[in-house]
Amino acid sequence: MPVVQSIHLELFPRAREEFVPRIFDWAVSAFEGRYKDYQPVDAKYHDFEHTLQGTLCLALILKGRVLSGLKPTLPQKMFELGMIAILLHDTGYLKVRGDSEGTGAKYTLIHVSRSSDFARQLLEEQGFSESDAGIVQRMIRCTGVNLKVEKIPFQTDTEKIIGYALGSADLIGQMAASDYVDKLPILFDEFEESARYSGGEQTKGGMFSSPEDLLRKTEGFWKFYVLPKINNDFLGQYRFLADPYPDGPNEYIQHIEANVERVKRVVARLDAADAPPVSTAEALAVK
């Protein structure tokens, strides 16, 4: 939170100091099970840490864009709505009290719409206008995996840009995390639960037969899904992470590339013909 608050006040010196702590408290309360009749988050991959990874990444993307001076400019209000959207974008994994079947991962296929509904409910309670709630909902829709972004009825170019930045941050923030590779088996468990709950329908990235299969397909996921999406669908908003912009190093992309290289080493260890067979957990010991 302190970094996001610092960015908020740096970009908008007249902004309310309590704004960022306030919206973070909304999200923390929700994920800890202190909001209405929702339980604490029990999804093991899409937890609050995952949300924080995306939130920091989005704040940095928007900071880079504002400081670049490119048009359209990003007003304070739109920046703030973007921060609310990223903080609430995975509330669709939360279960209500009395829902004792499985974990919130079972909602993977519908979590975007559930997150959108959650955001509208909370914002209405906090006194936001219907228009502002709609903006947040459309931004959240950018995290839908199979959604055609051109189908989202954005009202302004600014709203669209922040939505695209949010969608980029959701993907990049998690893939750049230091423990991303280690948590892939946990992500597989979520996909598997989602498939059971939905009768075997495809989940994002396609179905995987095992954690090992997910590891083997991670390089392709980066090259053939994430890179085209952030470059084409989301119009390269991640480039504002370059420090300095536009030609400085992009540490997020560097971390992702390092994670992909580690995945390749893990897969090589699994496939090593001159060594005894190892489990996925043992292969992940490869750094």
Foldseek 3Di string as FASTA:
>chain_A
DVVLLVLLCVLPVPDDSCLVVVLLVVLVCLLCCNPDQWHHADQPQPHQVLLVLLLVLLSLLLSLVQVVVDPPHADSLLSSLLSSLSSQLQSLLIDGPPPPPDGSLLCQQPSRVSSLVVQLVVVVVVPDDPVSSLLSSLLSCLLDQPDQNVPRPDPDPNSLLSSLSSNLSSVLSLLLDPCNLVCLQSVLVSQVSNCVSVVNDAGPPGHAPHSLRSLVCPVVCVVPRNVCCSVPVSVVSLCSCAVNPNPHDNSSVVSNVVSNVLSVQLNCLCVPPVDPHDDSNVSNVRD
